[in-house]
Amino acid sequence: MPDTNEKFELLNQAIEELKDQPGALMPVMQRAQNIFGCVSLDVQKLIAEKLGVTLSEVYGVATFYSQFKLKPAGKYTISVCLGTACYVKGSQKVLDRLSEELNIPVGDTTDDGLFTLQATRCLGACGLAPVMTVNDEVYGGLTPDDIPGILEKYRELEM
């Protein structure tokens, strides 16, 4: 795993390679996302400076397209299905409990870098509704009261 200085060097190389192409901003930002796992403010500033565009233009692209993250994803990505079957069976309440327990809004990552919380559409497990995944593990038939125990399981893995 490259250190931060090596990552910035890789980004500088990508910018040099792509900067003269029309529409270079998107490919440069995609490379930055691949290198850093996100397009943080310091990365945005470097891209803006090296491409000769405004920081607000880079930020606008970073926040418009869902492929770009402003913070790195957590070790455990929690995805709660809000598809019809899950929603009808209470997945919004499950999502709300997760947000409350993790103390983050949907789309954010906990300060300790453990959890990223996202809402998704159908996960293809409608018969288990409401459903969520933690990375590749599927949890079905959830109630809001199940959430603390599930989170504790992952927190214990870090001790």
N, C-alpha and C. Protein backbone atom coordinates (compact mmCIF):
# COMPACT_ATOMS: atom_id res chain seq x y z
N MET A 1 0.85 -1.19 0.00
CA MET A 1 0.00 0.00 0.00
C MET A 1 0.89 1.24 0.00
N PRO A 2 0.78 2.08 -1.03
CA PRO A 2 1.61 3.28 -1.07
C PRO A 2 1.27 4.26 0.04
N ASP A 3 2.29 4.99 0.52
CA ASP A 3 2.01 6.01 1.52
C ASP A 3 1.43 7.24 0.83
N THR A 4 1.07 8.23 1.61
CA THR A 4 0.40 9.42 1.08
C THR A 4 1.24 10.13 0.03
N ASN A 5 2.54 10.30 0.29
CA ASN A 5 3.40 10.97 -0.69
C ASN A 5 3.45 10.21 -2.01
N GLU A 6 3.52 8.89 -1.93
CA GLU A 6 3.52 8.07 -3.14
C GLU A 6 2.20 8.20 -3.89
N LYS A 7 1.11 8.28 -3.15
CA LYS A 7 -0.20 8.44 -3.78
C LYS A 7 -0.29 9.78 -4.51
N PHE A 8 0.22 10.85 -3.88
CA PHE A 8 0.21 12.15 -4.56
C PHE A 8 1.11 12.14 -5.79
N GLU A 9 2.20 11.41 -5.74
CA GLU A 9 3.07 11.29 -6.90
C GLU A 9 2.34 10.55 -8.03
N LEU A 10 1.62 9.49 -7.69
CA LEU A 10 0.82 8.77 -8.69
C LEU A 10 -0.24 9.69 -9.31
N LEU A 11 -0.86 10.51 -8.47
CA LEU A 11 -1.86 11.45 -8.98
C LEU A 11 -1.21 12.48 -9.90
N ASN A 12 -0.06 13.01 -9.51
CA ASN A 12 0.65 13.96 -10.36
C ASN A 12 0.99 13.34 -11.71
N GLN A 13 1.40 12.09 -11.72
CA GLN A 13 1.70 11.40 -12.97
C GLN A 13 0.44 11.28 -13.83
N ALA A 14 -0.68 10.94 -13.20
CA ALA A 14 -1.94 10.81 -13.93
C ALA A 14 -2.35 12.15 -14.53
N ILE A 15 -2.20 13.21 -13.77
CA ILE A 15 -2.55 14.54 -14.26
C ILE A 15 -1.68 14.91 -15.45
N GLU A 16 -0.39 14.66 -15.34
CA GLU A 16 0.53 14.95 -16.46
C GLU A 16 0.12 14.18 -17.71
N GLU A 17 -0.24 12.93 -17.53
CA GLU A 17 -0.63 12.07 -18.65
C GLU A 17 -1.92 12.53 -19.32
N LEU A 18 -2.87 13.04 -18.52
CA LEU A 18 -4.21 13.32 -19.03
C LEU A 18 -4.53 14.79 -19.27
N LYS A 19 -3.71 15.70 -18.76
CA LYS A 19 -4.10 17.12 -18.70
C LYS A 19 -4.36 17.77 -20.06
N ASP A 20 -3.76 17.28 -21.12
CA ASP A 20 -3.95 17.91 -22.43
C ASP A 20 -5.12 17.32 -23.21
N GLN A 21 -5.75 16.31 -22.66
CA GLN A 21 -6.91 15.72 -23.33
C GLN A 21 -8.15 16.56 -23.07
N PRO A 22 -9.03 16.70 -24.06
CA PRO A 22 -10.29 17.40 -23.79
C PRO A 22 -11.08 16.65 -22.72
N GLY A 23 -11.67 17.40 -21.80
CA GLY A 23 -12.47 16.78 -20.74
C GLY A 23 -11.63 15.98 -19.76
N ALA A 24 -10.42 16.45 -19.48
CA ALA A 24 -9.49 15.71 -18.62
C ALA A 24 -9.96 15.60 -17.18
N LEU A 25 -10.82 16.50 -16.74
CA LEU A 25 -11.21 16.53 -15.33
C LEU A 25 -11.79 15.20 -14.84
N MET A 26 -12.74 14.64 -15.56
CA MET A 26 -13.37 13.38 -15.12
C MET A 26 -12.36 12.24 -15.03
N PRO A 27 -11.56 11.99 -16.08
CA PRO A 27 -10.60 10.88 -15.96
C PRO A 27 -9.57 11.10 -14.85
N VAL A 28 -9.16 12.34 -14.63
CA VAL A 28 -8.21 12.63 -13.55
C VAL A 28 -8.88 12.34 -12.20
N MET A 29 -10.12 12.75 -12.05
CA MET A 29 -10.82 12.50 -10.79
C MET A 29 -11.05 11.01 -10.57
N GLN A 30 -11.33 10.28 -11.64
CA GLN A 30 -11.50 8.83 -11.51
C GLN A 30 -10.20 8.16 -11.07
N ARG A 31 -9.08 8.62 -11.63
CA ARG A 31 -7.78 8.09 -11.20
C ARG A 31 -7.53 8.43 -9.74
N ALA A 32 -7.85 9.67 -9.35
CA ALA A 32 -7.65 10.08 -7.96
C ALA A 32 -8.47 9.20 -7.03
N GLN A 33 -9.71 8.93 -7.41
CA GLN A 33 -10.57 8.07 -6.59
C GLN A 33 -9.95 6.68 -6.47
N ASN A 34 -9.40 6.16 -7.55
CA ASN A 34 -8.77 4.83 -7.51
C ASN A 34 -7.53 4.82 -6.63
N ILE A 35 -6.77 5.90 -6.66
CA ILE A 35 -5.53 5.98 -5.89
C ILE A 35 -5.81 6.16 -4.40
N PHE A 36 -6.71 7.10 -4.07
CA PHE A 36 -6.94 7.49 -2.67
C PHE A 36 -8.17 6.83 -2.04
N GLY A 37 -9.07 6.29 -2.86
CA GLY A 37 -10.32 5.74 -2.34
C GLY A 37 -11.39 6.80 -2.16
N CYS A 38 -11.03 8.05 -2.43
CA CYS A 38 -11.96 9.18 -2.34
C CYS A 38 -11.31 10.38 -3.02
N VAL A 39 -12.08 11.44 -3.14
CA VAL A 39 -11.56 12.69 -3.70
C VAL A 39 -11.73 13.75 -2.61
N SER A 40 -10.80 13.70 -1.65
CA SER A 40 -10.86 14.60 -0.50
C SER A 40 -10.51 16.03 -0.93
N LEU A 41 -10.69 16.98 -0.03
CA LEU A 41 -10.45 18.38 -0.35
C LEU A 41 -9.02 18.64 -0.80
N ASP A 42 -8.04 18.05 -0.14
CA ASP A 42 -6.65 18.28 -0.56
C ASP A 42 -6.39 17.73 -1.96
N VAL A 43 -7.01 16.61 -2.30
CA VAL A 43 -6.90 16.04 -3.64
C VAL A 43 -7.60 16.95 -4.65
N GLN A 44 -8.77 17.46 -4.30
CA GLN A 44 -9.49 18.38 -5.18
C GLN A 44 -8.67 19.63 -5.47
N LYS A 45 -8.02 20.15 -4.43
CA LYS A 45 -7.21 21.37 -4.60
C LYS A 45 -6.06 21.12 -5.56
N LEU A 46 -5.39 19.98 -5.42
CA LEU A 46 -4.28 19.66 -6.33
C LEU A 46 -4.77 19.53 -7.76
N ILE A 47 -5.88 18.84 -7.95
CA ILE A 47 -6.44 18.66 -9.29
C ILE A 47 -6.78 20.01 -9.91
N ALA A 48 -7.44 20.86 -9.14
CA ALA A 48 -7.82 22.19 -9.64
C ALA A 48 -6.58 22.98 -10.05
N GLU A 49 -5.59 22.99 -9.19
CA GLU A 49 -4.36 23.74 -9.46
C GLU A 49 -3.65 23.22 -10.71
N LYS A 50 -3.48 21.91 -10.81
CA LYS A 50 -2.71 21.31 -11.91
C LYS A 50 -3.46 21.36 -13.25
N LEU A 51 -4.81 21.33 -13.19
CA LEU A 51 -5.58 21.39 -14.44
C LEU A 51 -5.99 22.81 -14.82
N GLY A 52 -5.74 23.75 -13.91
CA GLY A 52 -6.09 25.14 -14.20
C GLY A 52 -7.59 25.39 -14.21
N VAL A 53 -8.30 24.69 -13.32
CA VAL A 53 -9.75 24.90 -13.18
C VAL A 53 -10.00 25.36 -11.75
N THR A 54 -11.20 25.83 -11.49
CA THR A 54 -11.50 26.29 -10.13
C THR A 54 -11.79 25.11 -9.21
N LEU A 55 -11.55 25.33 -7.94
CA LEU A 55 -11.87 24.32 -6.95
C LEU A 55 -13.37 24.05 -6.95
N SER A 56 -14.17 25.07 -7.17
CA SER A 56 -15.63 24.87 -7.18
C SER A 56 -16.05 23.97 -8.35
N GLU A 57 -15.33 24.03 -9.46
CA GLU A 57 -15.65 23.15 -10.60
C GLU A 57 -15.34 21.69 -10.22
N VAL A 58 -14.21 21.47 -9.61
CA VAL A 58 -13.83 20.11 -9.19
C VAL A 58 -14.83 19.61 -8.14
N TYR A 59 -15.14 20.44 -7.16
CA TYR A 59 -16.08 20.07 -6.11
C TYR A 59 -17.46 19.78 -6.71
N GLY A 60 -17.87 20.59 -7.67
CA GLY A 60 -19.16 20.38 -8.33
C GLY A 60 -19.25 19.01 -8.99
N VAL A 61 -18.19 18.60 -9.66
CA VAL A 61 -18.16 17.28 -10.29
C VAL A 61 -18.15 16.19 -9.21
N ALA A 62 -17.35 16.40 -8.16
CA ALA A 62 -17.23 15.40 -7.09
C ALA A 62 -18.55 15.17 -6.38
N THR A 63 -19.35 16.21 -6.24
CA THR A 63 -20.61 16.06 -5.52
C THR A 63 -21.79 15.72 -6.44
N PHE A 64 -21.64 15.95 -7.73
CA PHE A 64 -22.72 15.65 -8.66
C PHE A 64 -22.78 14.15 -8.98
N TYR A 65 -21.63 13.56 -9.22
CA TYR A 65 -21.58 12.15 -9.62
C TYR A 65 -21.42 11.25 -8.40
N SER A 66 -22.32 10.27 -8.29
CA SER A 66 -22.31 9.40 -7.10
C SER A 66 -21.09 8.49 -7.04
N GLN A 67 -20.36 8.35 -8.13
CA GLN A 67 -19.16 7.49 -8.11
C GLN A 67 -18.05 8.09 -7.26
N PHE A 68 -18.10 9.41 -7.01
CA PHE A 68 -17.04 10.05 -6.24
C PHE A 68 -17.43 10.14 -4.77
N LYS A 69 -16.48 9.83 -3.93
CA LYS A 69 -16.65 9.92 -2.49
C LYS A 69 -15.73 11.01 -1.96
N LEU A 70 -16.21 11.80 -1.01
CA LEU A 70 -15.39 12.87 -0.43
C LEU A 70 -14.56 12.37 0.74
N LYS A 71 -14.98 11.24 1.29
CA LYS A 71 -14.26 10.59 2.38
C LYS A 71 -14.06 9.13 2.00
N PRO A 72 -12.98 8.51 2.47
CA PRO A 72 -12.82 7.08 2.17
C PRO A 72 -13.94 6.26 2.78
N ALA A 73 -14.28 5.17 2.13
CA ALA A 73 -15.31 4.28 2.66
C ALA A 73 -14.78 3.58 3.90
N GLY A 74 -15.69 3.22 4.78
CA GLY A 74 -15.32 2.50 5.99
C GLY A 74 -14.93 1.07 5.68
N LYS A 75 -14.37 0.41 6.66
CA LYS A 75 -14.00 -0.99 6.52
C LYS A 75 -15.23 -1.84 6.24
N TYR A 76 -16.36 -1.47 6.86
CA TYR A 76 -17.61 -2.19 6.68
C TYR A 76 -18.64 -1.26 6.04
N THR A 77 -19.06 -1.61 4.83
CA THR A 77 -20.09 -0.83 4.14
C THR A 77 -21.44 -1.48 4.39
N ILE A 78 -22.32 -0.70 5.01
CA ILE A 78 -23.66 -1.18 5.32
C ILE A 78 -24.61 -0.60 4.28
N SER A 79 -25.30 -1.50 3.58
CA SER A 79 -26.26 -1.09 2.55
C SER A 79 -27.64 -1.57 2.96
N VAL A 80 -28.56 -0.63 3.11
CA VAL A 80 -29.93 -0.97 3.50
C VAL A 80 -30.82 -0.84 2.27
N CYS A 81 -31.55 -1.89 1.97
CA CYS A 81 -32.44 -1.89 0.81
C CYS A 81 -33.68 -1.04 1.10
N LEU A 82 -33.95 -0.12 0.18
CA LEU A 82 -35.18 0.67 0.26
C LEU A 82 -36.10 0.37 -0.92
N GLY A 83 -35.89 -0.81 -1.55
CA GLY A 83 -36.79 -1.25 -2.60
C GLY A 83 -38.19 -1.47 -2.01
N THR A 84 -39.16 -1.64 -2.87
CA THR A 84 -40.55 -1.69 -2.44
C THR A 84 -40.82 -2.72 -1.35
N ALA A 85 -40.41 -3.97 -1.55
CA ALA A 85 -40.71 -5.02 -0.57
C ALA A 85 -40.09 -4.69 0.79
N CYS A 86 -38.84 -4.24 0.76
CA CYS A 86 -38.16 -3.91 2.02
C CYS A 86 -38.75 -2.67 2.68
N TYR A 87 -39.06 -1.68 1.86
CA TYR A 87 -39.61 -0.44 2.40
C TYR A 87 -40.94 -0.69 3.09
N VAL A 88 -41.79 -1.46 2.44
CA VAL A 88 -43.11 -1.77 3.00
C VAL A 88 -42.98 -2.51 4.33
N LYS A 89 -41.93 -3.31 4.47
CA LYS A 89 -41.74 -4.08 5.70
C LYS A 89 -40.86 -3.37 6.74
N GLY A 90 -40.55 -2.09 6.51
CA GLY A 90 -39.91 -1.30 7.56
C GLY A 90 -38.43 -1.00 7.41
N SER A 91 -37.89 -1.09 6.21
CA SER A 91 -36.45 -0.85 6.08
C SER A 91 -36.06 0.60 6.39
N GLN A 92 -36.96 1.55 6.20
CA GLN A 92 -36.62 2.94 6.54
C GLN A 92 -36.34 3.07 8.04
N LYS A 93 -37.11 2.35 8.86
CA LYS A 93 -36.88 2.39 10.31
C LYS A 93 -35.54 1.74 10.66
N VAL A 94 -35.17 0.69 9.94
CA VAL A 94 -33.87 0.05 10.14
C VAL A 94 -32.76 1.03 9.78
N LEU A 95 -32.91 1.70 8.64
CA LEU A 95 -31.92 2.68 8.20
C LEU A 95 -31.80 3.83 9.20
N ASP A 96 -32.94 4.31 9.69
CA ASP A 96 -32.93 5.38 10.69
C ASP A 96 -32.21 4.94 11.96
N ARG A 97 -32.43 3.71 12.38
CA ARG A 97 -31.76 3.21 13.60
C ARG A 97 -30.25 3.11 13.38
N LEU A 98 -29.85 2.66 12.20
CA LEU A 98 -28.43 2.60 11.88
C LEU A 98 -27.80 3.98 11.93
N SER A 99 -28.47 4.94 11.33
CA SER A 99 -27.97 6.32 11.33
C SER A 99 -27.84 6.84 12.75
N GLU A 100 -28.81 6.53 13.58
CA GLU A 100 -28.79 6.96 14.99
C GLU A 100 -27.67 6.27 15.76
N GLU A 101 -27.54 4.95 15.61
CA GLU A 101 -26.53 4.18 16.34
C GLU A 101 -25.11 4.57 15.91
N LEU A 102 -24.94 4.83 14.62
CA LEU A 102 -23.61 5.18 14.10
C LEU A 102 -23.32 6.67 14.22
N ASN A 103 -24.36 7.45 14.47
CA ASN A 103 -24.25 8.90 14.58
C ASN A 103 -23.72 9.54 13.29
N ILE A 104 -24.23 9.05 12.16
CA ILE A 104 -23.87 9.60 10.85
C ILE A 104 -25.11 9.62 9.97
N PRO A 105 -25.15 10.54 9.01
CA PRO A 105 -26.24 10.49 8.04
C PRO A 105 -25.96 9.43 6.97
N VAL A 106 -26.98 9.06 6.25
CA VAL A 106 -26.82 8.13 5.14
C VAL A 106 -25.83 8.74 4.15
N GLY A 107 -24.93 7.91 3.65
CA GLY A 107 -23.92 8.37 2.70
C GLY A 107 -22.61 8.76 3.36
N ASP A 108 -22.54 8.68 4.68
CA ASP A 108 -21.34 9.12 5.39
C ASP A 108 -20.61 7.93 6.00
N THR A 109 -19.42 8.21 6.52
CA THR A 109 -18.57 7.22 7.16
C THR A 109 -18.29 7.66 8.59
N THR A 110 -18.28 6.72 9.52
CA THR A 110 -17.99 7.04 10.91
C THR A 110 -16.57 7.59 11.04
N ASP A 111 -16.37 8.44 12.04
CA ASP A 111 -15.06 9.06 12.24
C ASP A 111 -13.95 8.04 12.46
N ASP A 112 -14.29 6.88 13.03
CA ASP A 112 -13.26 5.86 13.26
C ASP A 112 -12.95 5.05 12.01
N GLY A 113 -13.66 5.35 10.90
CA GLY A 113 -13.39 4.67 9.63
C GLY A 113 -13.91 3.24 9.57
N LEU A 114 -14.74 2.85 10.53
CA LEU A 114 -15.24 1.47 10.53
C LEU A 114 -16.44 1.27 9.62
N PHE A 115 -17.40 2.19 9.65
CA PHE A 115 -18.67 1.96 8.95
C PHE A 115 -19.00 3.07 7.96
N THR A 116 -19.47 2.66 6.80
CA THR A 116 -20.08 3.57 5.83
C THR A 116 -21.53 3.12 5.69
N LEU A 117 -22.45 4.08 5.73
CA LEU A 117 -23.87 3.76 5.67
C LEU A 117 -24.45 4.26 4.35
N GLN A 118 -25.10 3.35 3.63
CA GLN A 118 -25.75 3.75 2.39
C GLN A 118 -27.11 3.11 2.23
N ALA A 119 -27.96 3.83 1.53
CA ALA A 119 -29.27 3.32 1.16
C ALA A 119 -29.17 2.84 -0.28
N THR A 120 -29.78 1.70 -0.57
CA THR A 120 -29.72 1.15 -1.93
C THR A 120 -31.12 0.77 -2.37
N ARG A 121 -31.21 0.46 -3.62
CA ARG A 121 -32.46 -0.09 -4.14
C ARG A 121 -32.38 -1.60 -4.00
N CYS A 122 -33.14 -2.33 -4.71
CA CYS A 122 -33.29 -3.77 -4.51
C CYS A 122 -31.97 -4.52 -4.43
N LEU A 123 -31.83 -5.32 -3.38
CA LEU A 123 -30.65 -6.17 -3.20
C LEU A 123 -30.91 -7.59 -3.70
N GLY A 124 -32.12 -7.83 -4.20
CA GLY A 124 -32.44 -9.14 -4.78
C GLY A 124 -32.77 -10.20 -3.74
N ALA A 125 -33.15 -9.78 -2.56
CA ALA A 125 -33.50 -10.73 -1.50
C ALA A 125 -34.86 -10.35 -0.91
N CYS A 126 -35.80 -10.08 -1.78
CA CYS A 126 -37.11 -9.56 -1.37
C CYS A 126 -37.83 -10.49 -0.38
N GLY A 127 -37.62 -11.78 -0.50
CA GLY A 127 -38.26 -12.74 0.39
C GLY A 127 -37.76 -12.63 1.82
N LEU A 128 -36.64 -11.95 2.03
CA LEU A 128 -36.06 -11.77 3.37
C LEU A 128 -36.34 -10.38 3.93
N ALA A 129 -37.15 -9.61 3.26
CA ALA A 129 -37.37 -8.20 3.60
C ALA A 129 -37.75 -8.00 5.06
N PRO A 130 -37.29 -6.90 5.64
CA PRO A 130 -36.31 -5.94 5.12
C PRO A 130 -34.87 -6.47 5.24
N VAL A 131 -34.05 -6.07 4.28
CA VAL A 131 -32.71 -6.63 4.13
C VAL A 131 -31.66 -5.53 4.16
N MET A 132 -30.48 -5.90 4.70
CA MET A 132 -29.31 -5.05 4.58
C MET A 132 -28.11 -5.96 4.40
N THR A 133 -27.04 -5.39 3.88
CA THR A 133 -25.78 -6.12 3.79
C THR A 133 -24.72 -5.35 4.56
N VAL A 134 -23.79 -6.10 5.10
CA VAL A 134 -22.57 -5.53 5.67
C VAL A 134 -21.46 -6.19 4.86
N ASN A 135 -20.84 -5.39 4.00
CA ASN A 135 -19.94 -5.92 2.97
C ASN A 135 -20.70 -7.00 2.21
N ASP A 136 -20.28 -8.26 2.29
CA ASP A 136 -20.95 -9.32 1.53
C ASP A 136 -21.91 -10.17 2.36
N GLU A 137 -22.08 -9.82 3.63
CA GLU A 137 -22.96 -10.60 4.50
C GLU A 137 -24.37 -10.02 4.47
N VAL A 138 -25.36 -10.89 4.26
CA VAL A 138 -26.75 -10.48 4.13
C VAL A 138 -27.49 -10.72 5.45
N TYR A 139 -28.27 -9.70 5.85
CA TYR A 139 -29.11 -9.81 7.04
C TYR A 139 -30.55 -9.55 6.62
N GLY A 140 -31.45 -10.48 6.91
CA GLY A 140 -32.84 -10.32 6.51
C GLY A 140 -33.79 -10.41 7.69
N GLY A 141 -35.03 -10.04 7.44
CA GLY A 141 -36.07 -10.07 8.46
C GLY A 141 -35.74 -9.14 9.62
N LEU A 142 -35.15 -8.01 9.30
CA LEU A 142 -34.64 -7.10 10.33
C LEU A 142 -35.71 -6.26 11.00
N THR A 143 -35.42 -5.91 12.24
CA THR A 143 -36.18 -4.89 12.96
C THR A 143 -35.15 -3.88 13.47
N PRO A 144 -35.56 -2.68 13.79
CA PRO A 144 -34.61 -1.71 14.33
C PRO A 144 -33.87 -2.23 15.57
N ASP A 145 -34.51 -3.06 16.37
CA ASP A 145 -33.88 -3.58 17.58
C ASP A 145 -32.75 -4.57 17.30
N ASP A 146 -32.66 -5.09 16.07
CA ASP A 146 -31.56 -5.99 15.70
C ASP A 146 -30.25 -5.24 15.49
N ILE A 147 -30.33 -3.96 15.22
CA ILE A 147 -29.17 -3.19 14.77
C ILE A 147 -28.04 -3.12 15.80
N PRO A 148 -28.28 -2.80 17.07
CA PRO A 148 -27.15 -2.71 18.00
C PRO A 148 -26.32 -4.00 18.07
N GLY A 149 -26.97 -5.14 18.08
CA GLY A 149 -26.25 -6.41 18.14
C GLY A 149 -25.40 -6.68 16.91
N ILE A 150 -25.95 -6.33 15.75
CA ILE A 150 -25.19 -6.53 14.51
C ILE A 150 -23.97 -5.62 14.49
N LEU A 151 -24.15 -4.36 14.87
CA LEU A 151 -23.01 -3.45 14.89
C LEU A 151 -21.95 -3.90 15.90
N GLU A 152 -22.40 -4.40 17.04
CA GLU A 152 -21.47 -4.86 18.08
C GLU A 152 -20.60 -6.00 17.56
N LYS A 153 -21.18 -6.88 16.77
CA LYS A 153 -20.43 -8.00 16.19
C LYS A 153 -19.21 -7.48 15.42
N TYR A 154 -19.40 -6.43 14.63
CA TYR A 154 -18.30 -5.89 13.83
C TYR A 154 -17.33 -5.08 14.67
N ARG A 155 -17.84 -4.40 15.67
CA ARG A 155 -16.95 -3.66 16.56
C ARG A 155 -16.04 -4.61 17.34
N GLU A 156 -16.58 -5.73 17.74
CA GLU A 156 -15.79 -6.72 18.48
C GLU A 156 -14.66 -7.30 17.62
N LEU A 157 -14.88 -7.40 16.33
CA LEU A 157 -13.83 -7.89 15.43
C LEU A 157 -12.61 -6.96 15.43
N GLU A 158 -12.82 -5.73 15.80
CA GLU A 158 -11.74 -4.73 15.78
C GLU A 158 -10.98 -4.66 17.09
N MET A 159 -11.43 -5.38 18.10
CA MET A 159 -10.77 -5.30 19.42
C MET A 159 -9.60 -6.26 19.50
